[in-house]
Amino acid sequence: HNPQVVVNREAGKAPIIIHAEPGKPVTLDAAGSKDPDGNALTYHWFFYAEAGRGNVTLDREDGPVVHATVSRPGAAHIIPTVEDNGAPPLTAYRRVILQTAPR
C-alpha cells in the first residue's frame, strides 16, 4: 500500500491551503505520515512553479519538516513526496498551496 501523507496534522488526499505572509517562514510538517504496511518512510519536498504565480524558497528538500518562505504574492504550490522502503517502494504525493494576499 502507498504511504498516507499527512501535513500539519491534516490527513486525506485533498490539497491543503495555508495562508502565508511574504517573507515569513511557514512550517510544513509531514512527520505524521504513515505507511499502512509499516515500512520506513523518506521525504522529499519541491516547489511546483508551473502551478501557481507565487514564488517560494524551501530551507531544505529532504526530511519530514521544512520551512517555506513565500517571496511574492500569489499561490505557491509545494509538493511533499513520501516514499516507503517496501519491495517495490511506493510513493505518495500531496499538494500544499501557500496562498498570499496581494500587497
N, C-alpha and C. Protein backbone atom coordinates (compact mmCIF):
# COMPACT_ATOMS: atom_id res chain seq x y z
N HIS A 1 0.83 -1.19 0.00
CA HIS A 1 0.00 0.00 0.00
C HIS A 1 0.88 1.25 0.00
N ASN A 2 0.37 2.29 -0.67
CA ASN A 2 1.09 3.56 -0.69
C ASN A 2 1.07 4.21 0.69
N PRO A 3 2.09 5.02 0.97
CA PRO A 3 2.07 5.78 2.23
C PRO A 3 0.88 6.74 2.25
N GLN A 4 0.51 7.16 3.43
CA GLN A 4 -0.54 8.15 3.61
C GLN A 4 0.14 9.44 4.06
N VAL A 5 0.02 10.48 3.23
CA VAL A 5 0.71 11.74 3.50
C VAL A 5 -0.16 12.62 4.40
N VAL A 6 0.40 12.99 5.53
CA VAL A 6 -0.27 13.89 6.48
C VAL A 6 0.63 15.11 6.61
N VAL A 7 0.07 16.30 6.38
CA VAL A 7 0.85 17.54 6.51
C VAL A 7 0.15 18.44 7.53
N ASN A 8 0.92 18.88 8.50
CA ASN A 8 0.40 19.74 9.57
C ASN A 8 -0.86 19.15 10.19
N ARG A 9 -0.81 17.84 10.41
CA ARG A 9 -1.88 17.06 11.04
C ARG A 9 -3.12 16.91 10.18
N GLU A 10 -3.06 17.26 8.90
CA GLU A 10 -4.21 17.12 8.01
C GLU A 10 -4.02 15.88 7.14
N ALA A 11 -4.85 14.87 7.42
CA ALA A 11 -4.82 13.64 6.64
C ALA A 11 -5.75 13.80 5.43
N GLY A 12 -5.72 12.84 4.54
CA GLY A 12 -6.58 12.85 3.37
C GLY A 12 -5.78 13.09 2.11
N LYS A 13 -6.50 13.30 1.03
CA LYS A 13 -5.86 13.48 -0.26
C LYS A 13 -6.08 14.87 -0.85
N ALA A 14 -6.98 15.64 -0.25
CA ALA A 14 -7.28 16.97 -0.77
C ALA A 14 -6.10 17.91 -0.57
N PRO A 15 -5.95 18.89 -1.47
CA PRO A 15 -4.89 19.90 -1.27
C PRO A 15 -5.10 20.64 0.05
N ILE A 16 -4.00 21.06 0.63
CA ILE A 16 -4.03 21.82 1.87
C ILE A 16 -3.72 23.27 1.53
N ILE A 17 -4.59 24.18 1.93
CA ILE A 17 -4.37 25.60 1.67
C ILE A 17 -3.97 26.27 2.98
N ILE A 18 -2.83 26.94 2.94
CA ILE A 18 -2.31 27.64 4.11
C ILE A 18 -2.11 29.11 3.73
N HIS A 19 -2.65 30.00 4.54
CA HIS A 19 -2.45 31.43 4.29
C HIS A 19 -1.08 31.83 4.83
N ALA A 20 -0.31 32.48 3.98
CA ALA A 20 1.07 32.85 4.32
C ALA A 20 1.29 34.33 4.08
N GLU A 21 2.28 34.85 4.75
CA GLU A 21 2.66 36.25 4.58
C GLU A 21 4.04 36.29 3.93
N PRO A 22 4.20 37.07 2.85
CA PRO A 22 5.52 37.13 2.20
C PRO A 22 6.62 37.48 3.19
N GLY A 23 7.73 36.73 3.09
CA GLY A 23 8.89 36.98 3.93
C GLY A 23 8.87 36.27 5.27
N LYS A 24 7.74 35.68 5.66
CA LYS A 24 7.66 34.98 6.94
C LYS A 24 7.59 33.47 6.70
N PRO A 25 8.51 32.70 7.29
CA PRO A 25 8.52 31.25 7.06
C PRO A 25 7.28 30.55 7.62
N VAL A 26 6.87 29.53 6.92
CA VAL A 26 5.75 28.68 7.32
C VAL A 26 6.31 27.27 7.52
N THR A 27 5.98 26.64 8.63
CA THR A 27 6.44 25.27 8.88
C THR A 27 5.49 24.28 8.23
N LEU A 28 6.06 23.35 7.48
CA LEU A 28 5.30 22.26 6.87
C LEU A 28 5.83 20.96 7.47
N ASP A 29 4.95 20.23 8.15
CA ASP A 29 5.36 19.06 8.91
C ASP A 29 4.62 17.82 8.42
N ALA A 30 5.36 16.90 7.82
CA ALA A 30 4.78 15.64 7.33
C ALA A 30 5.17 14.46 8.21
N ALA A 31 5.66 14.73 9.42
CA ALA A 31 6.10 13.65 10.31
C ALA A 31 4.95 12.72 10.70
N GLY A 32 3.72 13.18 10.58
CA GLY A 32 2.56 12.33 10.90
C GLY A 32 2.19 11.37 9.79
N SER A 33 2.91 11.40 8.68
CA SER A 33 2.64 10.47 7.57
C SER A 33 2.93 9.05 8.03
N LYS A 34 2.24 8.09 7.42
CA LYS A 34 2.46 6.70 7.82
C LYS A 34 2.31 5.76 6.64
N ASP A 35 2.84 4.59 6.82
CA ASP A 35 2.72 3.56 5.81
C ASP A 35 1.86 2.43 6.37
N PRO A 36 0.76 2.07 5.69
CA PRO A 36 -0.12 1.02 6.20
C PRO A 36 0.59 -0.33 6.38
N ASP A 37 1.68 -0.54 5.64
CA ASP A 37 2.43 -1.80 5.75
C ASP A 37 3.54 -1.74 6.80
N GLY A 38 3.73 -0.58 7.43
CA GLY A 38 4.74 -0.45 8.47
C GLY A 38 6.15 -0.21 7.95
N ASN A 39 6.29 0.10 6.67
CA ASN A 39 7.62 0.36 6.11
C ASN A 39 8.13 1.74 6.53
N ALA A 40 9.46 1.89 6.53
CA ALA A 40 10.08 3.17 6.83
C ALA A 40 9.82 4.16 5.69
N LEU A 41 9.78 5.44 6.02
CA LEU A 41 9.46 6.47 5.03
C LEU A 41 10.64 7.43 4.82
N THR A 42 10.75 7.93 3.60
CA THR A 42 11.65 9.04 3.30
C THR A 42 10.81 10.16 2.70
N TYR A 43 11.31 11.39 2.83
CA TYR A 43 10.55 12.57 2.44
C TYR A 43 11.35 13.43 1.48
N HIS A 44 10.66 14.00 0.51
CA HIS A 44 11.27 14.96 -0.41
C HIS A 44 10.21 16.02 -0.70
N TRP A 45 10.62 17.28 -0.70
CA TRP A 45 9.70 18.40 -0.95
C TRP A 45 10.19 19.16 -2.18
N PHE A 46 9.25 19.65 -3.00
CA PHE A 46 9.66 20.51 -4.10
C PHE A 46 8.61 21.58 -4.38
N PHE A 47 9.09 22.70 -4.87
CA PHE A 47 8.25 23.82 -5.27
C PHE A 47 7.81 23.57 -6.71
N TYR A 48 6.51 23.56 -6.94
CA TYR A 48 5.93 23.29 -8.25
C TYR A 48 5.59 24.63 -8.90
N ALA A 49 6.60 25.26 -9.48
CA ALA A 49 6.49 26.63 -10.00
C ALA A 49 5.45 26.77 -11.10
N GLU A 50 5.28 25.76 -11.92
CA GLU A 50 4.36 25.85 -13.06
C GLU A 50 2.89 25.94 -12.64
N ALA A 51 2.58 25.58 -11.41
CA ALA A 51 1.18 25.51 -10.99
C ALA A 51 0.62 26.81 -10.43
N GLY A 52 1.45 27.78 -10.09
CA GLY A 52 0.93 29.00 -9.47
C GLY A 52 1.69 30.23 -9.90
N ARG A 53 1.39 31.34 -9.22
CA ARG A 53 2.06 32.61 -9.53
C ARG A 53 3.01 33.05 -8.43
N GLY A 54 2.95 32.40 -7.29
CA GLY A 54 3.83 32.76 -6.18
C GLY A 54 5.22 32.19 -6.36
N ASN A 55 6.10 32.60 -5.50
CA ASN A 55 7.47 32.09 -5.51
C ASN A 55 7.83 31.74 -4.07
N VAL A 56 8.47 30.59 -3.88
CA VAL A 56 8.75 30.13 -2.53
C VAL A 56 10.16 29.55 -2.46
N THR A 57 10.77 29.69 -1.29
CA THR A 57 12.07 29.09 -1.02
C THR A 57 11.89 28.10 0.12
N LEU A 58 12.43 26.91 -0.05
CA LEU A 58 12.40 25.90 1.00
C LEU A 58 13.76 25.86 1.69
N ASP A 59 13.77 25.74 3.02
CA ASP A 59 15.05 25.71 3.72
C ASP A 59 15.78 24.39 3.52
N ARG A 60 15.08 23.38 3.07
CA ARG A 60 15.66 22.07 2.76
C ARG A 60 14.70 21.33 1.85
N GLU A 61 15.14 20.25 1.23
CA GLU A 61 14.28 19.48 0.34
C GLU A 61 13.97 18.09 0.87
N ASP A 62 14.73 17.64 1.87
CA ASP A 62 14.53 16.31 2.42
C ASP A 62 14.19 16.39 3.90
N GLY A 63 13.54 15.35 4.39
CA GLY A 63 13.18 15.30 5.80
C GLY A 63 11.70 15.56 5.98
N PRO A 64 11.15 15.19 7.13
CA PRO A 64 9.72 15.35 7.35
C PRO A 64 9.25 16.78 7.58
N VAL A 65 10.15 17.66 8.00
CA VAL A 65 9.76 19.05 8.30
C VAL A 65 10.60 20.02 7.47
N VAL A 66 9.91 20.95 6.80
CA VAL A 66 10.61 22.02 6.07
C VAL A 66 9.98 23.35 6.45
N HIS A 67 10.72 24.43 6.16
CA HIS A 67 10.20 25.78 6.34
C HIS A 67 10.18 26.44 4.97
N ALA A 68 9.01 26.96 4.61
CA ALA A 68 8.82 27.57 3.31
C ALA A 68 8.60 29.07 3.49
N THR A 69 9.27 29.86 2.67
CA THR A 69 9.11 31.32 2.72
C THR A 69 8.69 31.80 1.35
N VAL A 70 7.53 32.44 1.31
CA VAL A 70 7.00 33.00 0.06
C VAL A 70 7.60 34.38 -0.13
N SER A 71 8.07 34.66 -1.35
CA SER A 71 8.71 35.95 -1.59
C SER A 71 7.83 36.93 -2.34
N ARG A 72 6.76 36.46 -2.96
CA ARG A 72 5.85 37.39 -3.63
C ARG A 72 4.42 36.86 -3.56
N PRO A 73 3.44 37.74 -3.64
CA PRO A 73 2.04 37.32 -3.52
C PRO A 73 1.63 36.35 -4.63
N GLY A 74 0.66 35.55 -4.32
CA GLY A 74 0.13 34.57 -5.26
C GLY A 74 -0.04 33.23 -4.57
N ALA A 75 -0.27 32.22 -5.36
CA ALA A 75 -0.43 30.86 -4.85
C ALA A 75 0.84 30.08 -5.17
N ALA A 76 1.56 29.66 -4.15
CA ALA A 76 2.77 28.87 -4.33
C ALA A 76 2.46 27.42 -3.98
N HIS A 77 2.69 26.53 -4.93
CA HIS A 77 2.37 25.12 -4.75
C HIS A 77 3.63 24.35 -4.35
N ILE A 78 3.52 23.60 -3.27
CA ILE A 78 4.61 22.77 -2.77
C ILE A 78 4.10 21.34 -2.71
N ILE A 79 4.94 20.42 -3.15
CA ILE A 79 4.55 19.01 -3.18
C ILE A 79 5.47 18.21 -2.25
N PRO A 80 4.91 17.62 -1.19
CA PRO A 80 5.68 16.67 -0.42
C PRO A 80 5.55 15.28 -1.05
N THR A 81 6.67 14.61 -1.20
CA THR A 81 6.73 13.26 -1.74
C THR A 81 7.16 12.34 -0.61
N VAL A 82 6.35 11.33 -0.34
CA VAL A 82 6.66 10.39 0.73
C VAL A 82 6.78 9.00 0.11
N GLU A 83 7.95 8.37 0.32
CA GLU A 83 8.21 7.05 -0.27
C GLU A 83 8.52 6.04 0.83
N ASP A 84 7.96 4.84 0.67
CA ASP A 84 8.29 3.79 1.64
C ASP A 84 9.44 2.94 1.12
N ASN A 85 9.97 2.09 1.98
CA ASN A 85 11.09 1.25 1.58
C ASN A 85 10.67 -0.19 1.32
N GLY A 86 9.41 -0.37 0.91
CA GLY A 86 8.92 -1.70 0.61
C GLY A 86 9.51 -2.23 -0.69
N ALA A 87 9.10 -3.45 -1.05
CA ALA A 87 9.56 -4.06 -2.29
C ALA A 87 8.33 -4.37 -3.14
N PRO A 88 8.04 -3.55 -4.13
CA PRO A 88 8.76 -2.37 -4.58
C PRO A 88 8.42 -1.16 -3.70
N PRO A 89 9.29 -0.13 -3.73
CA PRO A 89 8.99 1.09 -2.98
C PRO A 89 7.79 1.81 -3.61
N LEU A 90 6.91 2.32 -2.78
CA LEU A 90 5.74 3.05 -3.26
C LEU A 90 5.81 4.49 -2.80
N THR A 91 5.24 5.38 -3.61
CA THR A 91 5.32 6.81 -3.36
C THR A 91 3.92 7.42 -3.32
N ALA A 92 3.75 8.41 -2.45
CA ALA A 92 2.51 9.18 -2.38
C ALA A 92 2.86 10.66 -2.39
N TYR A 93 1.93 11.46 -2.90
CA TYR A 93 2.13 12.90 -3.03
C TYR A 93 0.96 13.62 -2.39
N ARG A 94 1.20 14.88 -2.05
CA ARG A 94 0.13 15.74 -1.53
C ARG A 94 0.44 17.16 -1.98
N ARG A 95 -0.55 17.96 -2.25
CA ARG A 95 -0.33 19.34 -2.66
C ARG A 95 -0.61 20.27 -1.49
N VAL A 96 0.35 21.17 -1.26
CA VAL A 96 0.19 22.22 -0.26
C VAL A 96 0.26 23.55 -1.02
N ILE A 97 -0.76 24.38 -0.82
CA ILE A 97 -0.81 25.68 -1.51
C ILE A 97 -0.64 26.77 -0.47
N LEU A 98 0.45 27.52 -0.61
CA LEU A 98 0.66 28.69 0.24
C LEU A 98 0.03 29.87 -0.47
N GLN A 99 -1.03 30.39 0.08
CA GLN A 99 -1.78 31.49 -0.54
C GLN A 99 -1.45 32.79 0.16
N THR A 100 -1.00 33.77 -0.60
CA THR A 100 -0.71 35.08 -0.03
C THR A 100 -1.61 36.13 -0.67
N ALA A 101 -1.92 37.14 0.09
CA ALA A 101 -2.75 38.24 -0.42
C ALA A 101 -1.86 39.26 -1.10
N PRO A 102 -2.37 39.95 -2.12
CA PRO A 102 -1.58 41.00 -2.76
C PRO A 102 -1.28 42.11 -1.77
N ARG A 103 -0.11 42.72 -1.95
CA ARG A 103 0.27 43.86 -1.08
C ARG A 103 -0.38 45.12 -1.53
